[in-house]
PDB file of N, CA and C in Angstrom:
ATOM      1  N   UNK A   1       0.846  -1.335  -0.052  1.00  0.00           N
ATOM      2  CA  UNK A   1       0.145   0.151   0.298  1.00  0.00           C
ATOM      3  C   UNK A   1       1.074   0.868  -0.037  1.00  0.00           C
ATOM      4  N   UNK A   2       1.972   1.309   0.992  1.00  0.00           N
ATOM      5  CA  UNK A   2       3.082   2.467   1.033  1.00  0.00           C
ATOM      6  C   UNK A   2       3.307   2.366   0.097  1.00  0.00           C
ATOM      7  N   UNK A   3       3.927   1.687  -0.844  1.00  0.00           N
ATOM      8  CA  UNK A   3       5.063   1.714  -2.615  1.00  0.00           C
ATOM      9  C   UNK A   3       4.236   2.106  -3.214  1.00  0.00           C
ATOM     10  N   UNK A   4       2.698   1.579  -3.437  1.00  0.00           N
ATOM     11  CA  UNK A   4       1.777   2.390  -4.232  1.00  0.00           C
ATOM     12  C   UNK A   4       1.220   3.903  -4.434  1.00  0.00           C
ATOM     13  N   UNK A   5       1.420   4.946  -2.708  1.00  0.00           N
ATOM     14  CA  UNK A   5       1.555   5.569  -2.687  1.00  0.00           C
ATOM     15  C   UNK A   5       0.086   6.382  -1.940  1.00  0.00           C
ATOM     16  N   UNK A   6      -0.586   4.491  -0.991  1.00  0.00           N
ATOM     17  CA  UNK A   6      -1.780   5.052  -0.922  1.00  0.00           C
ATOM     18  C   UNK A   6      -1.634   5.671   0.251  1.00  0.00           C
ATOM     19  N   UNK A   7      -2.980   6.011   0.827  1.00  0.00           N
ATOM     20  CA  UNK A   7      -2.523   5.565   2.476  1.00  0.00           C
ATOM     21  C   UNK A   7      -3.728   4.545   3.352  1.00  0.00           C
ATOM     22  N   UNK A   8      -4.401   4.519   4.112  1.00  0.00           N
ATOM     23  CA  UNK A   8      -4.738   3.269   4.454  1.00  0.00           C
ATOM     24  C   UNK A   8      -6.202   3.797   4.179  1.00  0.00           C
ATOM     25  N   UNK A   9      -6.529   5.025   3.904  1.00  0.00           N
ATOM     26  CA  UNK A   9      -8.140   5.379   4.347  1.00  0.00           C
ATOM     27  C   UNK A   9      -8.041   4.990   2.183  1.00  0.00           C
ATOM     28  N   UNK A  10      -7.728   5.209   1.701  1.00  0.00           N
ATOM     29  CA  UNK A  10      -7.553   5.097   0.071  1.00  0.00           C
ATOM     30  C   UNK A  10      -7.392   4.275  -0.187  1.00  0.00           C
ATOM     31  N   UNK A  11      -6.987   3.113   0.041  1.00  0.00           N
ATOM     32  CA  UNK A  11      -6.892   1.857   0.065  1.00  0.00           C
ATOM     33  C   UNK A  11      -8.464   1.229   0.522  1.00  0.00           C
ATOM     34  N   UNK A  12      -8.521   1.732   1.620  1.00  0.00           N
ATOM     35  CA  UNK A  12      -9.948   0.840   2.203  1.00  0.00           C
ATOM     36  C   UNK A  12     -11.464   1.367   1.469  1.00  0.00           C
ATOM     37  N   UNK A  13     -10.950   2.200   0.853  1.00  0.00           N
ATOM     38  CA  UNK A  13     -12.011   3.392  -0.436  1.00  0.00           C
ATOM     39  C   UNK A  13     -12.131   2.259  -1.207  1.00  0.00           C
ATOM     40  N   UNK A  14     -11.095   1.925  -1.765  1.00  0.00           N
ATOM     41  CA  UNK A  14     -10.959   1.163  -3.095  1.00  0.00           C
ATOM     42  C   UNK A  14     -11.598  -0.232  -2.870  1.00  0.00           C
ATOM     43  N   UNK A  15     -11.259  -0.767  -1.647  1.00  0.00           N
ATOM     44  CA  UNK A  15     -11.852  -2.131  -1.834  1.00  0.00           C
ATOM     45  C   UNK A  15     -12.981  -2.366  -0.892  1.00  0.00           C
ATOM     46  N   UNK A  16     -13.792  -1.162  -0.482  1.00  0.00           N
ATOM     47  CA  UNK A  16     -14.830  -1.311  -0.274  1.00  0.00           C
ATOM     48  C   UNK A  16     -15.303  -1.531   1.404  1.00  0.00           C
ATOM     49  N   UNK A  17     -13.752  -1.052   1.784  1.00  0.00           N
ATOM     50  CA  UNK A  17     -14.062  -1.637   3.264  1.00  0.00           C
ATOM     51  C   UNK A  17     -13.439  -0.299   3.934  1.00  0.00           C
ATOM     52  N   UNK A  18     -13.828  -0.359   5.205  1.00  0.00           N
ATOM     53  CA  UNK A  18     -12.944   0.485   6.501  1.00  0.00           C
ATOM     54  C   UNK A  18     -11.496   0.719   7.082  1.00  0.00           C
ATOM     55  N   UNK A  19     -11.028   1.987   7.143  1.00  0.00           N
ATOM     56  CA  UNK A  19     -10.041   1.887   7.248  1.00  0.00           C
ATOM     57  C   UNK A  19      -8.860   0.874   8.216  1.00  0.00           C
ATOM     58  N   UNK A  20      -9.711   0.728   9.229  1.00  0.00           N
ATOM     59  CA  UNK A  20      -9.432   0.306  10.359  1.00  0.00           C
ATOM     60  C   UNK A  20      -9.072  -1.536   9.828  1.00  0.00           C
ATOM     61  N   UNK A  21     -10.098  -1.633   8.884  1.00  0.00           N
ATOM     62  CA  UNK A  21      -9.573  -3.676   8.778  1.00  0.00           C
ATOM     63  C   UNK A  21      -8.264  -2.911   7.787  1.00  0.00           C
ATOM     64  N   UNK A  22      -8.204  -1.991   7.236  1.00  0.00           N
ATOM     65  CA  UNK A  22      -6.628  -2.476   6.735  1.00  0.00           C
ATOM     66  C   UNK A  22      -5.472  -2.068   8.267  1.00  0.00           C
ATOM     67  N   UNK A  23      -6.112  -1.378   9.077  1.00  0.00           N
ATOM     68  CA  UNK A  23      -4.883  -1.029   9.829  1.00  0.00           C
ATOM     69  C   UNK A  23      -4.816  -2.170  10.763  1.00  0.00           C
ATOM     70  N   UNK A  24      -5.696  -3.335  10.858  1.00  0.00           N
ATOM     71  CA  UNK A  24      -5.645  -4.391  11.448  1.00  0.00           C
ATOM     72  C   UNK A  24      -4.612  -5.252  10.973  1.00  0.00           C
ATOM     73  N   UNK A  25      -5.061  -5.357   9.254  1.00  0.00           N
ATOM     74  CA  UNK A  25      -3.784  -5.998   8.703  1.00  0.00           C
ATOM     75  C   UNK A  25      -2.555  -5.953   8.885  1.00  0.00           C
ATOM     76  N   UNK A  26      -2.463  -4.932   8.595  1.00  0.00           N
ATOM     77  CA  UNK A  26      -1.236  -4.131   8.685  1.00  0.00           C
ATOM     78  C   UNK A  26      -0.293  -4.502  10.004  1.00  0.00           C
ATOM     79  N   UNK A  27      -1.061  -3.937  10.974  1.00  0.00           N
ATOM     80  CA  UNK A  27      -0.801  -4.461  12.572  1.00  0.00           C
ATOM     81  C   UNK A  27      -0.460  -6.560  13.013  1.00  0.00           C
ATOM     82  N   UNK A  28      -0.842  -7.083  12.089  1.00  0.00           N
ATOM     83  CA  UNK A  28      -0.857  -8.134  11.839  1.00  0.00           C
ATOM     84  C   UNK A  28      -2.114  -8.688  13.042  1.00  0.00           C
ATOM     85  N   UNK A  29      -2.795  -8.061  13.684  1.00  0.00           N
ATOM     86  CA  UNK A  29      -3.928  -8.474  14.609  1.00  0.00           C
ATOM     87  C   UNK A  29      -5.289  -9.277  13.526  1.00  0.00           C
ATOM     88  N   UNK A  30      -5.502  -9.111  11.963  1.00  0.00           N
ATOM     89  CA  UNK A  30      -6.268  -9.781  11.400  1.00  0.00           C
ATOM     90  C   UNK A  30      -5.827 -10.581  10.208  1.00  0.00           C
ATOM     91  N   UNK A  31      -5.706 -10.676   9.253  1.00  0.00           N
ATOM     92  CA  UNK A  31      -5.309 -11.034   7.845  1.00  0.00           C
ATOM     93  C   UNK A  31      -6.263 -11.006   6.696  1.00  0.00           C
ATOM     94  N   UNK A  32      -6.286 -10.671   5.810  1.00  0.00           N
ATOM     95  CA  UNK A  32      -7.159 -10.785   4.808  1.00  0.00           C
ATOM     96  C   UNK A  32      -8.055 -11.779   3.939  1.00  0.00           C
ATOM     97  N   UNK A  33      -8.741 -12.080   4.006  1.00  0.00           N
ATOM     98  CA  UNK A  33      -8.676 -12.904   2.928  1.00  0.00           C
ATOM     99  C   UNK A  33      -8.531 -12.996   1.818  1.00  0.00           C
ATOM    100  N   UNK A  34      -8.392 -14.484   1.417  1.00  0.00           N
ATOM    101  CA  UNK A  34      -7.776 -14.919   0.194  1.00  0.00           C
ATOM    102  C   UNK A  34      -8.208 -13.788  -1.073  1.00  0.00           C
ATOM    103  N   UNK A  35      -9.611 -13.806  -1.577  1.00  0.00           N
ATOM    104  CA  UNK A  35     -10.022 -13.112  -2.315  1.00  0.00           C
ATOM    105  C   UNK A  35      -9.994 -11.919  -2.158  1.00  0.00           C
ATOM    106  N   UNK A  36     -10.145 -10.893  -0.711  1.00  0.00           N
ATOM    107  CA  UNK A  36      -9.782  -9.797  -0.385  1.00  0.00           C
ATOM    108  C   UNK A  36      -7.947  -9.732  -0.981  1.00  0.00           C
ATOM    109  N   UNK A  37      -6.818 -10.431  -1.289  1.00  0.00           N
ATOM    110  CA  UNK A  37      -5.722 -10.642  -1.249  1.00  0.00           C
ATOM    111  C   UNK A  37      -5.518  -9.559  -2.941  1.00  0.00           C
ATOM    112  N   UNK A  38      -6.518 -10.625  -3.767  1.00  0.00           N
ATOM    113  CA  UNK A  38      -6.434 -10.121  -4.759  1.00  0.00           C
ATOM    114  C   UNK A  38      -7.101  -9.090  -5.064  1.00  0.00           C
ATOM    115  N   UNK A  39      -7.596  -8.302  -4.599  1.00  0.00           N
ATOM    116  CA  UNK A  39      -8.281  -6.707  -5.094  1.00  0.00           C
ATOM    117  C   UNK A  39      -7.389  -6.013  -4.432  1.00  0.00           C
ATOM    118  N   UNK A  40      -6.776  -6.519  -2.590  1.00  0.00           N
ATOM    119  CA  UNK A  40      -5.898  -5.444  -2.388  1.00  0.00           C
ATOM    120  C   UNK A  40      -4.444  -5.360  -3.882  1.00  0.00           C
ATOM    121  N   UNK A  41      -3.930  -6.356  -4.050  1.00  0.00           N
ATOM    122  CA  UNK A  41      -3.132  -5.923  -5.480  1.00  0.00           C
ATOM    123  C   UNK A  41      -3.131  -5.358  -6.648  1.00  0.00           C
ATOM    124  N   UNK A  42      -4.884  -5.159  -7.200  1.00  0.00           N
ATOM    125  CA  UNK A  42      -5.009  -4.739  -8.062  1.00  0.00           C
ATOM    126  C   UNK A  42      -5.333  -3.580  -7.320  1.00  0.00           C
ATOM    127  N   UNK A  43      -6.134  -3.207  -6.324  1.00  0.00           N
ATOM    128  CA  UNK A  43      -6.105  -1.434  -5.958  1.00  0.00           C
ATOM    129  C   UNK A  43      -4.522  -0.803  -5.997  1.00  0.00           C
ATOM    130  N   UNK A  44      -3.327  -1.577  -5.742  1.00  0.00           N
ATOM    131  CA  UNK A  44      -2.565  -1.199  -5.950  1.00  0.00           C
ATOM    132  C   UNK A  44      -1.908  -1.256  -7.220  1.00  0.00           C
ATOM    133  N   UNK A  45      -2.126  -1.979  -7.804  1.00  0.00           N
ATOM    134  CA  UNK A  45      -1.533  -1.987  -9.415  1.00  0.00           C
ATOM    135  C   UNK A  45      -0.154  -2.474  -9.232  1.00  0.00           C
ATOM    136  N   UNK A  46      -0.616  -4.109  -8.572  1.00  0.00           N
ATOM    137  CA  UNK A  46       0.604  -4.941  -8.524  1.00  0.00           C
ATOM    138  C   UNK A  46      -0.293  -6.070  -8.615  1.00  0.00           C
ATOM    139  N   UNK A  47       0.680  -7.411  -9.215  1.00  0.00           N
ATOM    140  CA  UNK A  47       0.875  -8.230 -10.068  1.00  0.00           C
ATOM    141  C   UNK A  47       1.277  -9.689  -8.599  1.00  0.00           C
ATOM    142  N   UNK A  48       0.025 -10.369  -8.999  1.00  0.00           N
ATOM    143  CA  UNK A  48       0.445 -12.185  -7.736  1.00  0.00           C
ATOM    144  C   UNK A  48       1.404 -12.845  -8.705  1.00  0.00           C
ATOM    145  N   UNK A  49       1.988 -13.399  -8.846  1.00  0.00           N
ATOM    146  CA  UNK A  49       3.373 -14.267  -9.284  1.00  0.00           C
ATOM    147  C   UNK A  49       3.461 -14.959  -8.150  1.00  0.00           C
ATOM    148  N   UNK A  50       2.478 -15.663  -7.490  1.00  0.00           N
ATOM    149  CA  UNK A  50       2.947 -17.162  -6.441  1.00  0.00           C
ATOM    150  C   UNK A  50       2.811 -18.320  -6.741  1.00  0.00           C
ATOM    151  N   UNK A  51       3.416 -18.966  -6.185  1.00  0.00           N
ATOM    152  CA  UNK A  51       3.185 -20.155  -6.264  1.00  0.00           C
ATOM    153  C   UNK A  51       3.387 -21.126  -4.323  1.00  0.00           C
ATOM    154  N   UNK A  52       2.224 -21.618  -3.987  1.00  0.00           N
ATOM    155  CA  UNK A  52       2.429 -22.138  -2.517  1.00  0.00           C
ATOM    156  C   UNK A  52       3.533 -23.630  -2.605  1.00  0.00           C
ATOM    157  N   UNK A  53       4.398 -23.909  -1.740  1.00  0.00           N
ATOM    158  CA  UNK A  53       5.226 -24.808  -1.985  1.00  0.00           C
ATOM    159  C   UNK A  53       5.516 -24.898  -0.456  1.00  0.00           C
ATOM    160  N   UNK A  54       6.251 -26.221  -0.057  1.00  0.00           N
ATOM    161  CA  UNK A  54       6.713 -26.240   0.945  1.00  0.00           C
ATOM    162  C   UNK A  54       8.520 -25.454   1.509  1.00  0.00           C
ATOM    163  N   UNK A  55       8.671 -25.206   2.481  1.00  0.00           N
ATOM    164  CA  UNK A  55       9.779 -24.384   2.749  1.00  0.00           C
ATOM    165  C   UNK A  55      10.860 -25.231   1.890  1.00  0.00           C
ATOM    166  N   UNK A  56      11.062 -26.531   2.268  1.00  0.00           N
ATOM    167  CA  UNK A  56      12.476 -27.416   1.419  1.00  0.00           C
ATOM    168  C   UNK A  56      12.496 -27.345  -0.076  1.00  0.00           C
ATOM    169  N   UNK A  57      10.892 -27.184  -1.035  1.00  0.00           N
ATOM    170  CA  UNK A  57      11.145 -27.161  -1.883  1.00  0.00           C
ATOM    171  C   UNK A  57      11.515 -25.794  -3.161  1.00  0.00           C
ATOM    172  N   UNK A  58      11.676 -24.978  -2.266  1.00  0.00           N
ATOM    173  CA  UNK A  58      12.911 -23.763  -2.629  1.00  0.00           C
ATOM    174  C   UNK A  58      14.243 -24.256  -3.126  1.00  0.00           C
ATOM    175  N   UNK A  59      14.905 -25.172  -2.605  1.00  0.00           N
ATOM    176  CA  UNK A  59      15.877 -25.309  -2.876  1.00  0.00           C
ATOM    177  C   UNK A  59      16.146 -27.063  -3.800  1.00  0.00           C
ATOM    178  N   UNK A  60      14.693 -27.501  -4.081  1.00  0.00           N
ATOM    179  CA  UNK A  60      14.632 -27.977  -5.108  1.00  0.00           C
ATOM    180  C   UNK A  60      13.645 -27.124  -6.917  1.00  0.00           C
ATOM    181  N   UNK A  61      13.556 -26.275  -6.181  1.00  0.00           N
ATOM    182  CA  UNK A  61      13.068 -25.458  -7.596  1.00  0.00           C
ATOM    183  C   UNK A  61      14.261 -24.826  -8.253  1.00  0.00           C
ATOM    184  N   UNK A  62      15.314 -24.297  -6.981  1.00  0.00           N
ATOM    185  CA  UNK A  62      16.869 -23.865  -7.463  1.00  0.00           C
ATOM    186  C   UNK A  62      17.162 -24.788  -8.156  1.00  0.00           C
ATOM    187  N   UNK A  63      17.701 -25.984  -7.976  1.00  0.00           N
ATOM    188  CA  UNK A  63      18.023 -27.246  -8.692  1.00  0.00           C
ATOM    189  C   UNK A  63      17.384 -27.628  -9.866  1.00  0.00           C
ATOM    190  N   UNK A  64      15.974 -27.847  -9.758  1.00  0.00           N
ATOM    191  CA  UNK A  64      15.536 -27.487 -10.951  1.00  0.00           C
ATOM    192  C   UNK A  64      16.289 -26.584 -12.235  1.00  0.00           C
ATOM    193  N   UNK A  65      15.980 -25.765 -11.803  1.00  0.00           N
ATOM    194  CA  UNK A  65      16.224 -24.116 -12.523  1.00  0.00           C
ATOM    195  C   UNK A  65      17.869 -24.546 -13.178  1.00  0.00           C
ATOM    196  N   UNK A  66      18.823 -24.728 -12.333  1.00  0.00           N
ATOM    197  CA  UNK A  66      20.190 -25.256 -12.227  1.00  0.00           C
ATOM    198  C   UNK A  66      20.382 -26.087 -13.526  1.00  0.00           C
ATOM    199  N   UNK A  67      19.744 -27.485 -13.245  1.00  0.00           N
ATOM    200  CA  UNK A  67      19.728 -28.562 -14.327  1.00  0.00           C
ATOM    201  C   UNK A  67      19.172 -28.088 -15.978  1.00  0.00           C
ATOM    202  N   UNK A  68      18.436 -27.584 -15.536  1.00  0.00           N
ATOM    203  CA  UNK A  68      17.872 -26.680 -17.124  1.00  0.00           C
ATOM    204  C   UNK A  68      18.914 -25.789 -18.152  1.00  0.00           C
ATOM    205  N   UNK A  69      19.654 -25.468 -17.469  1.00  0.00           N
ATOM    206  CA  UNK A  69      20.961 -24.681 -18.012  1.00  0.00           C
ATOM    207  C   UNK A  69      21.484 -25.504 -19.007  1.00  0.00           C
ATOM    208  N   UNK A  70      21.863 -24.610 -19.849  1.00  0.00           N
ATOM    209  CA  UNK A  70      22.672 -25.822 -20.959  1.00  0.00           C
ATOM    210  C   UNK A  70      24.067 -25.758 -20.351  1.00  0.00           C
ATOM    211  N   UNK A  71      25.050 -26.648 -20.552  1.00  0.00           N
ATOM    212  CA  UNK A  71      26.453 -26.830 -19.823  1.00  0.00           C
ATOM    213  C   UNK A  71      26.820 -24.855 -19.994  1.00  0.00           C
ATOM    214  N   UNK A  72      27.149 -24.023 -21.211  1.00  0.00           N
ATOM    215  CA  UNK A  72      27.007 -22.892 -21.717  1.00  0.00           C
ATOM    216  C   UNK A  72      26.390 -21.973 -20.116  1.00  0.00           C
ATOM    217  N   UNK A  73      25.545 -21.871 -20.061  1.00  0.00           N
ATOM    218  CA  UNK A  73      24.688 -21.444 -18.988  1.00  0.00           C
ATOM    219  C   UNK A  73      25.307 -21.106 -17.998  1.00  0.00           C
ATOM    220  N   UNK A  74      25.710 -22.875 -17.656  1.00  0.00           N
ATOM    221  CA  UNK A  74      25.732 -22.938 -16.154  1.00  0.00           C
ATOM    222  C   UNK A  74      27.698 -22.355 -15.677  1.00  0.00           C
ATOM    223  N   UNK A  75      28.202 -22.658 -16.894  1.00  0.00           N
ATOM    224  CA  UNK A  75      29.412 -22.025 -16.913  1.00  0.00           C
ATOM    225  C   UNK A  75      29.874 -20.633 -16.771  1.00  0.00           C
ATOM    226  N   UNK A  76      28.434 -19.984 -17.165  1.00  0.00           N
ATOM    227  CA  UNK A  76      28.329 -18.548 -17.109  1.00  0.00           C
ATOM    228  C   UNK A  76      27.784 -18.052 -15.247  1.00  0.00           C
ATOM    229  N   UNK A  77      26.845 -19.094 -15.358  1.00  0.00           N
ATOM    230  CA  UNK A  77      26.683 -18.724 -14.144  1.00  0.00           C
ATOM    231  C   UNK A  77      27.708 -19.319 -12.654  1.00  0.00           C
ATOM    232  N   UNK A  78      28.048 -19.690 -13.275  1.00  0.00           N
ATOM    233  CA  UNK A  78      29.478 -19.924 -12.246  1.00  0.00           C
ATOM    234  C   UNK A  78      30.533 -18.616 -12.277  1.00  0.00           C
ATOM    235  N   UNK A  79      30.606 -18.114 -13.169  1.00  0.00           N
ATOM    236  CA  UNK A  79      31.726 -17.519 -13.569  1.00  0.00           C
ATOM    237  C   UNK A  79      31.115 -15.967 -12.699  1.00  0.00           C
ATOM    238  N   UNK A  80      29.770 -15.947 -12.551  1.00  0.00           N
ATOM    239  CA  UNK A  80      29.226 -14.570 -12.207  1.00  0.00           C
ATOM    240  C   UNK A  80      29.044 -15.335 -10.905  1.00  0.00           C
ATOM    241  N   UNK A  81      28.716 -15.982 -10.318  1.00  0.00           N
ATOM    242  CA  UNK A  81      28.849 -16.076  -8.831  1.00  0.00           C
ATOM    243  C   UNK A  81      30.536 -16.330  -7.935  1.00  0.00           C
ATOM    244  N   UNK A  82      30.964 -16.635  -8.670  1.00  0.00           N
ATOM    245  CA  UNK A  82      33.134 -16.596  -8.507  1.00  0.00           C
ATOM    246  C   UNK A  82      32.668 -15.031  -8.431  1.00  0.00           C
ATOM    247  N   UNK A  83      32.154 -14.484  -9.652  1.00  0.00           N
ATOM    248  CA  UNK A  83      32.886 -12.868  -9.368  1.00  0.00           C
ATOM    249  C   UNK A  83      32.176 -11.941  -8.699  1.00  0.00           C
ATOM    250  N   UNK A  84      30.944 -12.274  -7.831  1.00  0.00           N
ATOM    251  CA  UNK A  84      30.282 -11.653  -6.928  1.00  0.00           C
ATOM    252  C   UNK A  84      30.575 -11.850  -5.591  1.00  0.00           C
ATOM    253  N   UNK A  85      31.542 -12.986  -5.376  1.00  0.00           N
ATOM    254  CA  UNK A  85      32.055 -13.669  -4.028  1.00  0.00           C
ATOM    255  C   UNK A  85      33.773 -12.351  -3.921  1.00  0.00           C
ATOM    256  N   UNK A  86      34.175 -12.666  -5.226  1.00  0.00           N
ATOM    257  CA  UNK A  86      35.317 -11.609  -5.164  1.00  0.00           C
ATOM    258  C   UNK A  86      35.002 -10.312  -4.812  1.00  0.00           C
ATOM    259  N   UNK A  87      34.028  -9.931  -5.664  1.00  0.00           N
ATOM    260  CA  UNK A  87      33.393  -7.907  -5.576  1.00  0.00           C
ATOM    261  C   UNK A  87      33.833  -8.493  -3.832  1.00  0.00           C
ATOM    262  N   UNK A  88      32.369  -8.765  -3.412  1.00  0.00           N
ATOM    263  CA  UNK A  88      32.145  -8.885  -1.878  1.00  0.00           C
ATOM    264  C   UNK A  88      33.170  -9.358  -1.020  1.00  0.00           C
ATOM    265  N   UNK A  89      34.470 -10.138  -1.237  1.00  0.00           N
ATOM    266  CA  UNK A  89      35.593 -10.210  -0.482  1.00  0.00           C
ATOM    267  C   UNK A  89      36.363  -8.480  -0.791  1.00  0.00           C
ATOM    268  N   UNK A  90      36.533  -7.840  -1.537  1.00  0.00           N
ATOM    269  CA  UNK A  90      37.595  -6.480  -2.215  1.00  0.00           C
ATOM    270  C   UNK A  90      36.804  -6.197  -0.996  1.00  0.00           C
ATOM    271  N   UNK A  91      34.912  -5.684  -1.268  1.00  0.00           N
ATOM    272  CA  UNK A  91      34.490  -4.786  -0.763  1.00  0.00           C
ATOM    273  C   UNK A  91      34.932  -4.698   1.202  1.00  0.00           C
ATOM    274  N   UNK A  92      34.842  -6.338   1.660  1.00  0.00           N
ATOM    275  CA  UNK A  92      34.966  -6.315   3.405  1.00  0.00           C
ATOM    276  C   UNK A  92      36.769  -5.687   3.000  1.00  0.00           C
ATOM    277  N   UNK A  93      37.839  -5.765   2.878  1.00  0.00           N
ATOM    278  CA  UNK A  93      38.612  -5.118   2.708  1.00  0.00           C
ATOM    279  C   UNK A  93      38.969  -3.778   2.576  1.00  0.00           C
ATOM    280  N   UNK A  94      38.010  -2.694   2.325  1.00  0.00           N
ATOM    281  CA  UNK A  94      37.981  -1.325   1.871  1.00  0.00           C
ATOM    282  C   UNK A  94      37.645  -0.531   3.255  1.00  0.00           C
ATOM    283  N   UNK A  95      38.643  -0.269   3.810  1.00  0.00           N
ATOM    284  CA  UNK A  95      38.038   0.469   4.943  1.00  0.00           C
ATOM    285  C   UNK A  95      36.815   1.395   4.837  1.00  0.00           C
ATOM    286  N   UNK A  96      36.008   1.716   5.844  1.00  0.00           N
ATOM    287  CA  UNK A  96      34.946   2.674   5.897  1.00  0.00           C
ATOM    288  C   UNK A  96      35.087   4.067   6.004  1.00  0.00           C
TER     289      UNK A  96
END
């Protein structure tokens, strides 16, 4: 809501609810229903790209993605990771 530049009252008006309801969601005192989430995203000009999965499946999905790369793409990915690690080590040595 904030990144969309909306106040709680403005979001509530777009959703046809009260500002106090939005406030309860944001404080964690209540949670919106799934159908309300879709309306919230639409009101904030956002699009959901969600997949529900177990936490440990994140690692599996990353492995599957890596296995789908061509050998050349794997080498490029490895080089990118090595370069990022090198830059991070260099940044740690630079005095503030």
